Amino acid sequence: MLEPPIEPMEAEQVDEIPIGASWQYEPKWDGFRCLIFRRENDVFLQSKAGQPLGRYFPEIVTAVQGLRQKWWVLDGELAVPSGPTFSFDRLLQRVHPAASRVAKLAKETPAIYIAFDLLMVGRKTDLRDQPLAERRPQLDEFSINFRTTDRFHLSPLTLETRQVRAWLETTGNNLDGVMCKQRESSYVGGTSSACQKVKNYRSIDCVLGGFRYTEDGKGVASLLLGLYDEEGKLNHVGFTSGFEREERVRLAKRLKKLIRPPGFDGNAPGGKSRWAPAGSREWKPLRPELVVEVCYDHFTGGRFRHGTRLLRWRPDKAPRQCRYSQLPKPTEKVFGLLLK
């Protein structure tokens, strides 16, 4: 029997859709990764980082208890609908310390759960060693249970690359990209080449290891980004900025409470970057607790070549999950152009 927490299977980011009969394709939803464990009336919602999510999404817990099957584990995504799309901002608001606020938001902006894998069914049947080509039909059959609630949905899949490209055209609207999965792969924890994601932009999750103040000392000029190496050291890899004035001030107040050396215990920042906005050369170290997703164009020499664009905050991801392994690996297709 599977006991939480378990490490979810994560995708490598690639630039092109892998082609072949061995692949299946699914939408990449813009939400919180969530594994759901049910044992009779005991329900546990696990985040990607292994933390409990149930208290923030009581409507999902209630929906789970209403399903006919009593013993199972699902892997999927939590999302908050907003018209024809999803709202990640509203999803972020659901993670609130006050129980009264959580109850209010559960009624005003209820979440849904989009299932894409079945890891256990029955008290002892662990499906993780089975290939995806066998797990998915069992999930399809299991999803019959979803008919009793509007909180649960089955993620679609396709074997046709034409459909995948059509999904990619909606990226940034109600999809975050597409997932490409090897049909003969078992379910393994951690990042695997058997599971790949394709976006219309390149993004990465980074830890905030420090920040720089604006010249007047009242706001944040830039956030300093870090990634963990194989030795567990946090290395400075670049920065992100571009905040509105009022946001800079609010952010400075928030980060002041987290100032604590060393910030980066690997490669630390040097002088102010020539791309950074005006501000002090001095930087303030932070406890490595906050994670952000940033968009970038090129990574070379151990850092982002240019400044990045802040996409969103990631309270659902553990800082230690922000590793260099997220970066795409050089391929023969890229370097082959130079070797002809």
C-alpha atoms as a PDB file:
ATOM      1  CA  MET A   1       0.000   0.000   0.000  1.00  0.00           C
ATOM      2  CA  LEU A   2       1.341   3.420  -0.924  1.00  0.00           C
ATOM      3  CA  GLU A   3       1.878   5.829   1.951  1.00  0.00           C
ATOM      4  CA  PRO A   4       2.343   9.582   1.485  1.00  0.00           C
ATOM      5  CA  PRO A   5       4.490  11.355   0.737  1.00  0.00           C
ATOM      6  CA  ILE A   6       6.012   9.860  -2.407  1.00  0.00           C
ATOM      7  CA  GLU A   7       8.193  11.631  -4.953  1.00  0.00           C
ATOM      8  CA  PRO A   8       6.173  12.424  -8.086  1.00  0.00           C
ATOM      9  CA  MET A   9       7.444  11.687 -11.575  1.00  0.00           C
ATOM     10  CA  GLU A  10       8.582  14.941 -13.194  1.00  0.00           C
ATOM     11  CA  ALA A  11       9.248  15.974 -16.767  1.00  0.00           C
ATOM     12  CA  GLU A  12      12.361  17.138 -18.568  1.00  0.00           C
ATOM     13  CA  GLN A  13      11.812  20.348 -20.510  1.00  0.00           C
ATOM     14  CA  VAL A  14      12.538  20.005 -24.227  1.00  0.00           C
ATOM     15  CA  ASP A  15      12.231  22.343 -27.190  1.00  0.00           C
ATOM     16  CA  GLU A  16      10.548  20.003 -29.659  1.00  0.00           C
ATOM     17  CA  ILE A  17       7.788  17.406 -29.546  1.00  0.00           C
ATOM     18  CA  PRO A  18       9.236  13.861 -29.520  1.00  0.00           C
ATOM     19  CA  ILE A  19       7.759  11.888 -32.395  1.00  0.00           C
ATOM     20  CA  GLY A  20       6.985   8.174 -32.607  1.00  0.00           C
ATOM     21  CA  ALA A  21       4.510   5.441 -31.791  1.00  0.00           C
ATOM     22  CA  SER A  22       6.090   5.004 -28.343  1.00  0.00           C
ATOM     23  CA  TRP A  23       4.786   8.400 -27.181  1.00  0.00           C
ATOM     24  CA  GLN A  24       1.452   9.651 -25.924  1.00  0.00           C
ATOM     25  CA  TYR A  25       0.608  13.313 -25.438  1.00  0.00           C
ATOM     26  CA  GLU A  26      -1.449  15.194 -22.866  1.00  0.00           C
ATOM     27  CA  PRO A  27      -2.201  18.848 -22.109  1.00  0.00           C
ATOM     28  CA  LYS A  28      -0.013  20.496 -19.477  1.00  0.00           C
ATOM     29  CA  TRP A  29      -2.413  22.196 -17.090  1.00  0.00           C
ATOM     30  CA  ASP A  30      -1.660  25.479 -15.329  1.00  0.00           C
ATOM     31  CA  GLY A  31      -2.186  24.510 -11.703  1.00  0.00           C
ATOM     32  CA  PHE A  32      -0.728  22.761  -8.630  1.00  0.00           C
ATOM     33  CA  ARG A  33       0.593  19.216  -8.990  1.00  0.00           C
ATOM     34  CA  CYS A  34      -1.298  17.063  -6.519  1.00  0.00           C
ATOM     35  CA  LEU A  35      -1.305  13.389  -5.571  1.00  0.00           C
ATOM     36  CA  ILE A  36      -4.443  12.162  -3.812  1.00  0.00           C
ATOM     37  CA  PHE A  37      -4.336   9.193  -1.407  1.00  0.00           C
ATOM     38  CA  ARG A  38      -7.602   7.632  -0.300  1.00  0.00           C
ATOM     39  CA  ARG A  39      -7.937   4.905   2.316  1.00  0.00           C
ATOM     40  CA  GLU A  40     -11.614   4.473   3.279  1.00  0.00           C
ATOM     41  CA  ASN A  41     -12.553   7.912   4.658  1.00  0.00           C
ATOM     42  CA  ASP A  42      -8.925   8.964   5.170  1.00  0.00           C
ATOM     43  CA  VAL A  43      -7.962  11.456   2.431  1.00  0.00           C
ATOM     44  CA  PHE A  44      -4.531  13.026   1.919  1.00  0.00           C
ATOM     45  CA  LEU A  45      -3.704  15.623  -0.743  1.00  0.00           C
ATOM     46  CA  GLN A  46       0.061  15.862  -1.374  1.00  0.00           C
ATOM     47  CA  SER A  47       1.845  18.726  -3.116  1.00  0.00           C
ATOM     48  CA  LYS A  48       4.784  18.276  -5.485  1.00  0.00           C
ATOM     49  CA  ALA A  49       7.062  19.074  -2.539  1.00  0.00           C
ATOM     50  CA  GLY A  50       5.426  16.397  -0.390  1.00  0.00           C
ATOM     51  CA  GLN A  51       3.423  18.808   1.772  1.00  0.00           C
ATOM     52  CA  PRO A  52      -0.273  18.410   2.720  1.00  0.00           C
ATOM     53  CA  LEU A  53      -2.758  20.443   0.681  1.00  0.00           C
ATOM     54  CA  GLY A  54      -6.059  19.131   2.023  1.00  0.00           C
ATOM     55  CA  ARG A  55      -6.767  21.986   4.441  1.00  0.00           C
ATOM     56  CA  TYR A  56      -6.630  24.473   1.574  1.00  0.00           C
ATOM     57  CA  PHE A  57      -9.004  22.541  -0.697  1.00  0.00           C
ATOM     58  CA  PRO A  58     -11.811  21.143   1.483  1.00  0.00           C
ATOM     59  CA  GLU A  59     -14.150  20.886  -1.521  1.00  0.00           C
ATOM     60  CA  ILE A  60     -11.766  18.379  -3.129  1.00  0.00           C
ATOM     61  CA  VAL A  61     -11.558  16.343   0.082  1.00  0.00           C
ATOM     62  CA  THR A  62     -15.363  16.234   0.215  1.00  0.00           C
ATOM     63  CA  ALA A  63     -15.539  15.186  -3.425  1.00  0.00           C
ATOM     64  CA  VAL A  64     -13.024  12.382  -2.793  1.00  0.00           C
ATOM     65  CA  GLN A  65     -15.140  11.041   0.066  1.00  0.00           C
ATOM     66  CA  GLY A  66     -18.129  10.990  -2.259  1.00  0.00           C
ATOM     67  CA  LEU A  67     -16.477   8.687  -4.816  1.00  0.00           C
ATOM     68  CA  ARG A  68     -17.496   5.024  -4.793  1.00  0.00           C
ATOM     69  CA  GLN A  69     -13.980   3.537  -4.774  1.00  0.00           C
ATOM     70  CA  LYS A  70     -12.447   3.521  -1.276  1.00  0.00           C
ATOM     71  CA  TRP A  71      -8.750   2.655  -1.827  1.00  0.00           C
ATOM     72  CA  TRP A  72      -6.645   4.376  -4.504  1.00  0.00           C
ATOM     73  CA  VAL A  73      -3.901   6.902  -5.347  1.00  0.00           C
ATOM     74  CA  LEU A  74      -4.207   9.406  -8.194  1.00  0.00           C
ATOM     75  CA  ASP A  75      -1.688  11.788  -9.726  1.00  0.00           C
ATOM     76  CA  GLY A  76      -3.016  14.945 -11.291  1.00  0.00           C
ATOM     77  CA  GLU A  77      -3.416  18.710 -11.145  1.00  0.00           C
ATOM     78  CA  LEU A  78      -5.431  21.133  -9.044  1.00  0.00           C
ATOM     79  CA  ALA A  79      -6.772  24.133 -10.954  1.00  0.00           C
ATOM     80  CA  VAL A  80      -9.268  26.946 -10.434  1.00  0.00           C
ATOM     81  CA  PRO A  81     -11.573  27.594 -13.414  1.00  0.00           C
ATOM     82  CA  SER A  82     -12.121  31.182 -14.509  1.00  0.00           C
ATOM     83  CA  GLY A  83     -14.509  31.390 -17.437  1.00  0.00           C
ATOM     84  CA  PRO A  84     -13.122  29.336 -20.325  1.00  0.00           C
ATOM     85  CA  THR A  85      -9.654  29.122 -18.780  1.00  0.00           C
ATOM     86  CA  PHE A  86      -7.885  28.722 -15.425  1.00  0.00           C
ATOM     87  CA  SER A  87      -6.622  31.350 -12.999  1.00  0.00           C
ATOM     88  CA  PHE A  88      -3.291  30.617 -11.340  1.00  0.00           C
ATOM     89  CA  ASP A  89      -3.615  33.798  -9.263  1.00  0.00           C
ATOM     90  CA  ARG A  90      -6.889  32.570  -7.766  1.00  0.00           C
ATOM     91  CA  LEU A  91      -5.279  29.208  -7.138  1.00  0.00           C
ATOM     92  CA  LEU A  92      -2.446  30.913  -5.222  1.00  0.00           C
ATOM     93  CA  GLN A  93      -5.000  32.742  -3.074  1.00  0.00           C
ATOM     94  CA  ARG A  94      -6.392  29.405  -1.936  1.00  0.00           C
ATOM     95  CA  VAL A  95      -3.232  28.727   0.082  1.00  0.00           C
ATOM     96  CA  HIS A  96      -4.194  30.882   3.064  1.00  0.00           C
ATOM     97  CA  PRO A  97      -3.442  30.375   6.782  1.00  0.00           C
ATOM     98  CA  ALA A  98      -6.890  31.470   8.001  1.00  0.00           C
ATOM     99  CA  ALA A  99      -9.488  28.671   8.059  1.00  0.00           C
ATOM    100  CA  SER A 100     -12.334  31.164   7.620  1.00  0.00           C
ATOM    101  CA  ARG A 101     -10.698  32.553   4.481  1.00  0.00           C
ATOM    102  CA  VAL A 102     -10.135  29.064   3.108  1.00  0.00           C
ATOM    103  CA  ALA A 103     -13.807  28.177   3.645  1.00  0.00           C
ATOM    104  CA  LYS A 104     -14.915  31.391   1.944  1.00  0.00           C
ATOM    105  CA  LEU A 105     -12.688  30.863  -1.099  1.00  0.00           C
ATOM    106  CA  ALA A 106     -13.699  27.196  -1.372  1.00  0.00           C
ATOM    107  CA  LYS A 107     -17.228  28.430  -2.081  1.00  0.00           C
ATOM    108  CA  GLU A 108     -16.293  31.454  -4.219  1.00  0.00           C
ATOM    109  CA  THR A 109     -13.491  29.912  -6.306  1.00  0.00           C
ATOM    110  CA  PRO A 110     -13.792  26.128  -5.999  1.00  0.00           C
ATOM    111  CA  ALA A 111     -11.006  24.050  -7.483  1.00  0.00           C
ATOM    112  CA  ILE A 112     -11.206  21.051  -9.772  1.00  0.00           C
ATOM    113  CA  TYR A 113      -8.921  18.034  -9.986  1.00  0.00           C
ATOM    114  CA  ILE A 114      -7.629  16.813 -13.348  1.00  0.00           C
ATOM    115  CA  ALA A 115      -6.398  13.223 -13.102  1.00  0.00           C
ATOM    116  CA  PHE A 116      -3.701  11.936 -15.463  1.00  0.00           C
ATOM    117  CA  ASP A 117      -2.318   8.820 -13.735  1.00  0.00           C
ATOM    118  CA  LEU A 118      -3.494   6.022 -11.443  1.00  0.00           C
ATOM    119  CA  LEU A 119      -0.807   4.737  -9.067  1.00  0.00           C
ATOM    120  CA  MET A 120      -2.790   2.417  -6.816  1.00  0.00           C
ATOM    121  CA  VAL A 121      -6.212   0.773  -6.905  1.00  0.00           C
ATOM    122  CA  GLY A 122      -7.458  -1.477  -4.108  1.00  0.00           C
ATOM    123  CA  ARG A 123      -5.665  -1.993  -0.820  1.00  0.00           C
ATOM    124  CA  LYS A 124      -2.486  -3.578  -2.223  1.00  0.00           C
ATOM    125  CA  THR A 125      -2.345  -3.103  -5.994  1.00  0.00           C
ATOM    126  CA  ASP A 126       0.600  -0.764  -6.644  1.00  0.00           C
ATOM    127  CA  LEU A 127       0.553   0.103 -10.355  1.00  0.00           C
ATOM    128  CA  ARG A 128       3.802   2.088 -10.551  1.00  0.00           C
ATOM    129  CA  ASP A 129       5.831  -0.769 -12.043  1.00  0.00           C
ATOM    130  CA  GLN A 130       3.313  -1.239 -14.840  1.00  0.00           C
ATOM    131  CA  PRO A 131       3.930   0.634 -18.128  1.00  0.00           C
ATOM    132  CA  LEU A 132       1.869   3.726 -18.781  1.00  0.00           C
ATOM    133  CA  ALA A 133       0.173   1.899 -21.670  1.00  0.00           C
ATOM    134  CA  GLU A 134      -1.381  -0.400 -19.042  1.00  0.00           C
ATOM    135  CA  ARG A 135      -1.977   2.200 -16.314  1.00  0.00           C
ATOM    136  CA  ARG A 136      -3.872   4.610 -18.552  1.00  0.00           C
ATOM    137  CA  PRO A 137      -6.705   2.184 -19.513  1.00  0.00           C
ATOM    138  CA  GLN A 138      -7.153   1.441 -15.806  1.00  0.00           C
ATOM    139  CA  LEU A 139      -7.393   5.188 -15.145  1.00  0.00           C
ATOM    140  CA  ASP A 140      -9.975   5.502 -17.930  1.00  0.00           C
ATOM    141  CA  GLU A 141     -12.051   2.780 -16.281  1.00  0.00           C
ATOM    142  CA  PHE A 142     -11.543   4.315 -12.827  1.00  0.00           C
ATOM    143  CA  SER A 143     -12.750   7.715 -14.099  1.00  0.00           C
ATOM    144  CA  ILE A 144     -16.285   6.345 -14.330  1.00  0.00           C
ATOM    145  CA  ASN A 145     -16.358   7.274 -10.629  1.00  0.00           C
ATOM    146  CA  PHE A 146     -16.027  10.940 -11.598  1.00  0.00           C
ATOM    147  CA  ARG A 147     -19.587  11.034 -12.920  1.00  0.00           C
ATOM    148  CA  THR A 148     -20.911  11.677  -9.407  1.00  0.00           C
ATOM    149  CA  THR A 149     -19.046  14.997  -9.000  1.00  0.00           C
ATOM    150  CA  ASP A 150     -18.115  18.086 -11.006  1.00  0.00           C
ATOM    151  CA  ARG A 151     -14.842  18.425  -9.061  1.00  0.00           C
ATOM    152  CA  PHE A 152     -13.030  15.563 -10.852  1.00  0.00           C
ATOM    153  CA  HIS A 153     -12.042  15.351 -14.507  1.00  0.00           C
ATOM    154  CA  LEU A 154      -9.985  13.021 -16.695  1.00  0.00           C
ATOM    155  CA  SER A 155      -7.116  14.612 -18.611  1.00  0.00           C
ATOM    156  CA  PRO A 156      -7.358  13.822 -22.331  1.00  0.00           C
ATOM    157  CA  LEU A 157      -4.590  12.209 -24.322  1.00  0.00           C
ATOM    158  CA  THR A 158      -3.731  11.793 -27.972  1.00  0.00           C
ATOM    159  CA  LEU A 159      -1.315   9.804 -30.093  1.00  0.00           C
ATOM    160  CA  GLU A 160      -1.524  12.362 -32.925  1.00  0.00           C
ATOM    161  CA  THR A 161       1.104  15.123 -33.190  1.00  0.00           C
ATOM    162  CA  ARG A 162      -1.393  17.272 -35.115  1.00  0.00           C
ATOM    163  CA  GLN A 163      -3.496  17.462 -31.960  1.00  0.00           C
ATOM    164  CA  VAL A 164      -0.411  18.249 -29.876  1.00  0.00           C
ATOM    165  CA  ARG A 165       0.418  21.247 -32.074  1.00  0.00           C
ATOM    166  CA  ALA A 166      -3.169  22.424 -31.776  1.00  0.00           C
ATOM    167  CA  TRP A 167      -2.867  22.248 -28.002  1.00  0.00           C
ATOM    168  CA  LEU A 168       0.362  24.233 -28.100  1.00  0.00           C
ATOM    169  CA  GLU A 169      -1.420  27.039 -29.916  1.00  0.00           C
ATOM    170  CA  THR A 170      -3.535  27.576 -26.792  1.00  0.00           C
ATOM    171  CA  THR A 171      -0.502  27.802 -24.491  1.00  0.00           C
ATOM    172  CA  GLY A 172      -0.827  30.842 -22.224  1.00  0.00           C
ATOM    173  CA  ASN A 173      -4.608  30.631 -22.340  1.00  0.00           C
ATOM    174  CA  ASN A 174      -5.967  27.499 -20.687  1.00  0.00           C
ATOM    175  CA  LEU A 175      -2.889  25.324 -21.166  1.00  0.00           C
ATOM    176  CA  ASP A 176       0.684  25.624 -19.924  1.00  0.00           C
ATOM    177  CA  GLY A 177       2.054  23.497 -22.759  1.00  0.00           C
ATOM    178  CA  VAL A 178       1.965  19.773 -23.557  1.00  0.00           C
ATOM    179  CA  MET A 179       3.254  16.652 -21.814  1.00  0.00           C
ATOM    180  CA  CYS A 180       4.913  13.846 -23.794  1.00  0.00           C
ATOM    181  CA  LYS A 181       5.128  10.445 -22.100  1.00  0.00           C
ATOM    182  CA  GLN A 182       6.751   7.161 -23.074  1.00  0.00           C
ATOM    183  CA  ARG A 183       3.984   4.560 -23.162  1.00  0.00           C
ATOM    184  CA  GLU A 184       6.252   1.733 -22.013  1.00  0.00           C
ATOM    185  CA  SER A 185       7.629   3.657 -19.036  1.00  0.00           C
ATOM    186  CA  SER A 186       6.887   2.743 -15.440  1.00  0.00           C
ATOM    187  CA  TYR A 187       6.185   5.477 -12.876  1.00  0.00           C
ATOM    188  CA  VAL A 188       9.466   6.625 -11.309  1.00  0.00           C
ATOM    189  CA  GLY A 189      10.014   9.444  -8.825  1.00  0.00           C
ATOM    190  CA  GLY A 190      12.051  12.460  -9.913  1.00  0.00           C
ATOM    191  CA  THR A 191      12.854  13.916 -13.324  1.00  0.00           C
ATOM    192  CA  SER A 192      12.786  11.346 -16.123  1.00  0.00           C
ATOM    193  CA  SER A 193      13.476  11.507 -19.858  1.00  0.00           C
ATOM    194  CA  ALA A 194      10.462   9.210 -20.281  1.00  0.00           C
ATOM    195  CA  CYS A 195       8.332  12.232 -19.407  1.00  0.00           C
ATOM    196  CA  GLN A 196       8.943  15.481 -21.301  1.00  0.00           C
ATOM    197  CA  LYS A 197       7.245  18.861 -21.420  1.00  0.00           C
ATOM    198  CA  VAL A 198       7.087  21.317 -24.284  1.00  0.00           C
ATOM    199  CA  LYS A 199       6.232  24.992 -23.876  1.00  0.00           C
ATOM    200  CA  ASN A 200       6.174  27.943 -26.226  1.00  0.00           C
ATOM    201  CA  TYR A 201       8.719  29.584 -23.972  1.00  0.00           C
ATOM    202  CA  ARG A 202      11.542  28.278 -21.822  1.00  0.00           C
ATOM    203  CA  SER A 203      11.031  28.532 -18.087  1.00  0.00           C
ATOM    204  CA  ILE A 204      12.673  27.283 -14.915  1.00  0.00           C
ATOM    205  CA  ASP A 205      11.979  27.318 -11.186  1.00  0.00           C
ATOM    206  CA  CYS A 206      14.599  29.113  -9.062  1.00  0.00           C
ATOM    207  CA  VAL A 207      15.199  29.791  -5.397  1.00  0.00           C
ATOM    208  CA  LEU A 208      15.464  33.361  -4.146  1.00  0.00           C
ATOM    209  CA  GLY A 209      18.863  33.559  -2.472  1.00  0.00           C
ATOM    210  CA  GLY A 210      18.983  37.322  -2.117  1.00  0.00           C
ATOM    211  CA  PHE A 211      17.875  40.689  -3.467  1.00  0.00           C
ATOM    212  CA  ARG A 212      19.093  44.230  -4.102  1.00  0.00           C
ATOM    213  CA  TYR A 213      17.379  47.390  -2.893  1.00  0.00           C
ATOM    214  CA  THR A 214      16.501  50.321  -5.122  1.00  0.00           C
ATOM    215  CA  GLU A 215      18.701  53.411  -4.739  1.00  0.00           C
ATOM    216  CA  ASP A 216      16.336  54.978  -2.197  1.00  0.00           C
ATOM    217  CA  GLY A 217      16.415  51.781  -0.125  1.00  0.00           C
ATOM    218  CA  LYS A 218      12.616  51.512  -0.036  1.00  0.00           C
ATOM    219  CA  GLY A 219      11.987  48.917  -2.690  1.00  0.00           C
ATOM    220  CA  VAL A 220      13.368  45.830  -4.391  1.00  0.00           C
ATOM    221  CA  ALA A 221      15.452  46.530  -7.490  1.00  0.00           C
ATOM    222  CA  SER A 222      16.028  42.880  -8.401  1.00  0.00           C
ATOM    223  CA  LEU A 223      15.634  39.369  -7.062  1.00  0.00           C
ATOM    224  CA  LEU A 224      18.721  37.139  -7.113  1.00  0.00           C
ATOM    225  CA  LEU A 225      18.066  33.639  -8.417  1.00  0.00           C
ATOM    226  CA  GLY A 226      19.729  30.386  -7.428  1.00  0.00           C
ATOM    227  CA  LEU A 227      19.886  26.706  -8.386  1.00  0.00           C
ATOM    228  CA  TYR A 228      21.164  23.764  -6.358  1.00  0.00           C
ATOM    229  CA  ASP A 229      24.054  21.701  -7.694  1.00  0.00           C
ATOM    230  CA  GLU A 230      24.739  18.001  -7.126  1.00  0.00           C
ATOM    231  CA  GLU A 231      26.571  18.792  -3.886  1.00  0.00           C
ATOM    232  CA  GLY A 232      23.530  20.582  -2.488  1.00  0.00           C
ATOM    233  CA  LYS A 233      25.088  24.039  -2.810  1.00  0.00           C
ATOM    234  CA  LEU A 234      22.914  26.992  -3.844  1.00  0.00           C
ATOM    235  CA  ASN A 235      24.588  28.898  -6.689  1.00  0.00           C
ATOM    236  CA  HIS A 236      23.692  32.334  -7.989  1.00  0.00           C
ATOM    237  CA  VAL A 237      22.566  32.071 -11.630  1.00  0.00           C
ATOM    238  CA  GLY A 238      21.015  35.457 -12.427  1.00  0.00           C
ATOM    239  CA  PHE A 239      18.321  37.924 -11.512  1.00  0.00           C
ATOM    240  CA  THR A 240      14.801  39.025 -12.319  1.00  0.00           C
ATOM    241  CA  SER A 241      13.232  42.468 -12.027  1.00  0.00           C
ATOM    242  CA  GLY A 242      10.631  44.586 -13.814  1.00  0.00           C
ATOM    243  CA  PHE A 243       8.293  45.279 -10.884  1.00  0.00           C
ATOM    244  CA  GLU A 244       5.909  48.207 -10.554  1.00  0.00           C
ATOM    245  CA  ARG A 245       6.884  50.829  -7.953  1.00  0.00           C
ATOM    246  CA  GLU A 246       4.206  49.844  -5.423  1.00  0.00           C
ATOM    247  CA  GLU A 247       5.079  46.171  -5.834  1.00  0.00           C
ATOM    248  CA  ARG A 248       8.761  46.935  -5.186  1.00  0.00           C
ATOM    249  CA  VAL A 249       7.918  48.484  -1.814  1.00  0.00           C
ATOM    250  CA  ARG A 250       5.548  45.672  -0.772  1.00  0.00           C
ATOM    251  CA  LEU A 251       8.116  43.076  -1.780  1.00  0.00           C
ATOM    252  CA  ALA A 252      10.872  44.812   0.223  1.00  0.00           C
ATOM    253  CA  LYS A 253       8.747  44.589   3.375  1.00  0.00           C
ATOM    254  CA  ARG A 254       8.077  40.909   2.753  1.00  0.00           C
ATOM    255  CA  LEU A 255      11.704  40.004   2.088  1.00  0.00           C
ATOM    256  CA  LYS A 256      13.094  41.991   5.017  1.00  0.00           C
ATOM    257  CA  LYS A 257      11.719  39.314   7.352  1.00  0.00           C
ATOM    258  CA  LEU A 258      13.692  36.618   5.505  1.00  0.00           C
ATOM    259  CA  ILE A 259      17.120  38.295   5.450  1.00  0.00           C
ATOM    260  CA  ARG A 260      19.711  35.873   6.751  1.00  0.00           C
ATOM    261  CA  PRO A 261      23.205  34.964   5.526  1.00  0.00           C
ATOM    262  CA  PRO A 262      24.659  33.333   3.592  1.00  0.00           C
ATOM    263  CA  GLY A 263      21.858  33.235   0.993  1.00  0.00           C
ATOM    264  CA  PHE A 264      24.088  31.502  -1.568  1.00  0.00           C
ATOM    265  CA  ASP A 265      26.480  28.927  -0.098  1.00  0.00           C
ATOM    266  CA  GLY A 266      27.916  28.079  -3.533  1.00  0.00           C
ATOM    267  CA  ASN A 267      28.768  30.697  -6.160  1.00  0.00           C
ATOM    268  CA  ALA A 268      27.617  34.052  -4.775  1.00  0.00           C
ATOM    269  CA  PRO A 269      26.762  37.296  -6.638  1.00  0.00           C
ATOM    270  CA  GLY A 270      29.547  39.699  -7.494  1.00  0.00           C
ATOM    271  CA  GLY A 271      28.969  43.300  -8.496  1.00  0.00           C
ATOM    272  CA  LYS A 272      25.726  44.612  -9.856  1.00  0.00           C
ATOM    273  CA  SER A 273      24.841  43.174 -13.281  1.00  0.00           C
ATOM    274  CA  ARG A 274      25.044  45.592 -16.194  1.00  0.00           C
ATOM    275  CA  TRP A 275      21.471  44.583 -17.087  1.00  0.00           C
ATOM    276  CA  ALA A 276      20.100  45.194 -13.605  1.00  0.00           C
ATOM    277  CA  PRO A 277      18.145  48.373 -12.798  1.00  0.00           C
ATOM    278  CA  ALA A 278      19.674  51.110 -10.695  1.00  0.00           C
ATOM    279  CA  GLY A 279      20.297  50.097  -7.110  1.00  0.00           C
ATOM    280  CA  SER A 280      22.962  49.366  -4.551  1.00  0.00           C
ATOM    281  CA  ARG A 281      25.868  47.041  -5.394  1.00  0.00           C
ATOM    282  CA  GLU A 282      25.276  45.449  -2.025  1.00  0.00           C
ATOM    283  CA  TRP A 283      22.896  42.534  -1.934  1.00  0.00           C
ATOM    284  CA  LYS A 284      20.930  41.119   0.961  1.00  0.00           C
ATOM    285  CA  PRO A 285      21.012  37.348   1.563  1.00  0.00           C
ATOM    286  CA  LEU A 286      17.759  35.482   2.111  1.00  0.00           C
ATOM    287  CA  ARG A 287      16.785  32.246   3.764  1.00  0.00           C
ATOM    288  CA  PRO A 288      16.252  29.937   0.748  1.00  0.00           C
ATOM    289  CA  GLU A 289      12.499  29.491   1.206  1.00  0.00           C
ATOM    290  CA  LEU A 290      10.841  31.231  -1.734  1.00  0.00           C
ATOM    291  CA  VAL A 291      10.578  29.793  -5.256  1.00  0.00           C
ATOM    292  CA  VAL A 292       9.701  31.618  -8.455  1.00  0.00           C
ATOM    293  CA  GLU A 293       9.234  30.502 -12.049  1.00  0.00           C
ATOM    294  CA  VAL A 294      11.055  32.736 -14.530  1.00  0.00           C
ATOM    295  CA  CYS A 295      11.165  32.908 -18.315  1.00  0.00           C
ATOM    296  CA  TYR A 296      14.601  33.129 -19.958  1.00  0.00           C
ATOM    297  CA  ASP A 297      16.183  33.075 -23.399  1.00  0.00           C
ATOM    298  CA  HIS A 298      19.635  31.573 -22.872  1.00  0.00           C
ATOM    299  CA  PHE A 299      21.698  29.912 -20.157  1.00  0.00           C
ATOM    300  CA  THR A 300      25.461  29.722 -20.566  1.00  0.00           C
ATOM    301  CA  GLY A 301      28.538  29.814 -18.363  1.00  0.00           C
ATOM    302  CA  GLY A 302      26.552  28.773 -15.310  1.00  0.00           C
ATOM    303  CA  ARG A 303      24.062  31.648 -15.415  1.00  0.00           C
ATOM    304  CA  PHE A 304      21.294  33.314 -17.384  1.00  0.00           C
ATOM    305  CA  ARG A 305      22.839  35.332 -20.194  1.00  0.00           C
ATOM    306  CA  HIS A 306      20.254  38.123 -19.810  1.00  0.00           C
ATOM    307  CA  GLY A 307      17.775  39.169 -17.184  1.00  0.00           C
ATOM    308  CA  THR A 308      14.738  36.932 -16.789  1.00  0.00           C
ATOM    309  CA  ARG A 309      11.020  37.662 -16.641  1.00  0.00           C
ATOM    310  CA  LEU A 310       9.121  36.702 -13.503  1.00  0.00           C
ATOM    311  CA  LEU A 311       6.210  34.445 -14.449  1.00  0.00           C
ATOM    312  CA  ARG A 312       4.812  33.476 -11.076  1.00  0.00           C
ATOM    313  CA  TRP A 313       5.518  32.548  -7.479  1.00  0.00           C
ATOM    314  CA  ARG A 314       5.682  28.802  -6.737  1.00  0.00           C
ATOM    315  CA  PRO A 315       4.634  28.132  -3.105  1.00  0.00           C
ATOM    316  CA  ASP A 316       3.798  24.570  -4.170  1.00  0.00           C
ATOM    317  CA  LYS A 317       7.423  23.701  -4.968  1.00  0.00           C
ATOM    318  CA  ALA A 318      10.199  22.947  -2.471  1.00  0.00           C
ATOM    319  CA  PRO A 319      13.413  24.994  -2.860  1.00  0.00           C
ATOM    320  CA  ARG A 320      15.517  21.806  -2.983  1.00  0.00           C
ATOM    321  CA  GLN A 321      13.645  20.797  -6.134  1.00  0.00           C
ATOM    322  CA  CYS A 322      15.194  23.770  -7.965  1.00  0.00           C
ATOM    323  CA  ARG A 323      18.205  22.054  -9.499  1.00  0.00           C
ATOM    324  CA  TYR A 324      20.399  22.442 -12.563  1.00  0.00           C
ATOM    325  CA  SER A 325      18.774  19.262 -13.882  1.00  0.00           C
ATOM    326  CA  GLN A 326      15.785  21.386 -14.946  1.00  0.00           C
ATOM    327  CA  LEU A 327      17.913  22.929 -17.699  1.00  0.00           C
ATOM    328  CA  PRO A 328      17.624  21.407 -21.191  1.00  0.00           C
ATOM    329  CA  LYS A 329      20.635  19.381 -22.268  1.00  0.00           C
ATOM    330  CA  PRO A 330      22.534  20.216 -25.501  1.00  0.00           C
ATOM    331  CA  THR A 331      21.399  18.018 -28.371  1.00  0.00           C
ATOM    332  CA  GLU A 332      23.058  16.798 -31.553  1.00  0.00           C
ATOM    333  CA  LYS A 333      20.403  18.633 -33.513  1.00  0.00           C
ATOM    334  CA  VAL A 334      21.675  21.969 -32.214  1.00  0.00           C
ATOM    335  CA  PHE A 335      25.403  21.304 -32.390  1.00  0.00           C
ATOM    336  CA  GLY A 336      25.105  19.216 -35.543  1.00  0.00           C
ATOM    337  CA  LEU A 337      24.625  22.417 -37.541  1.00  0.00           C
ATOM    338  CA  LEU A 338      28.252  23.294 -36.763  1.00  0.00           C
ATOM    339  CA  LEU A 339      29.631  19.855 -37.627  1.00  0.00           C
ATOM    340  CA  LYS A 340      28.380  19.463 -41.196  1.00  0.00           C
END
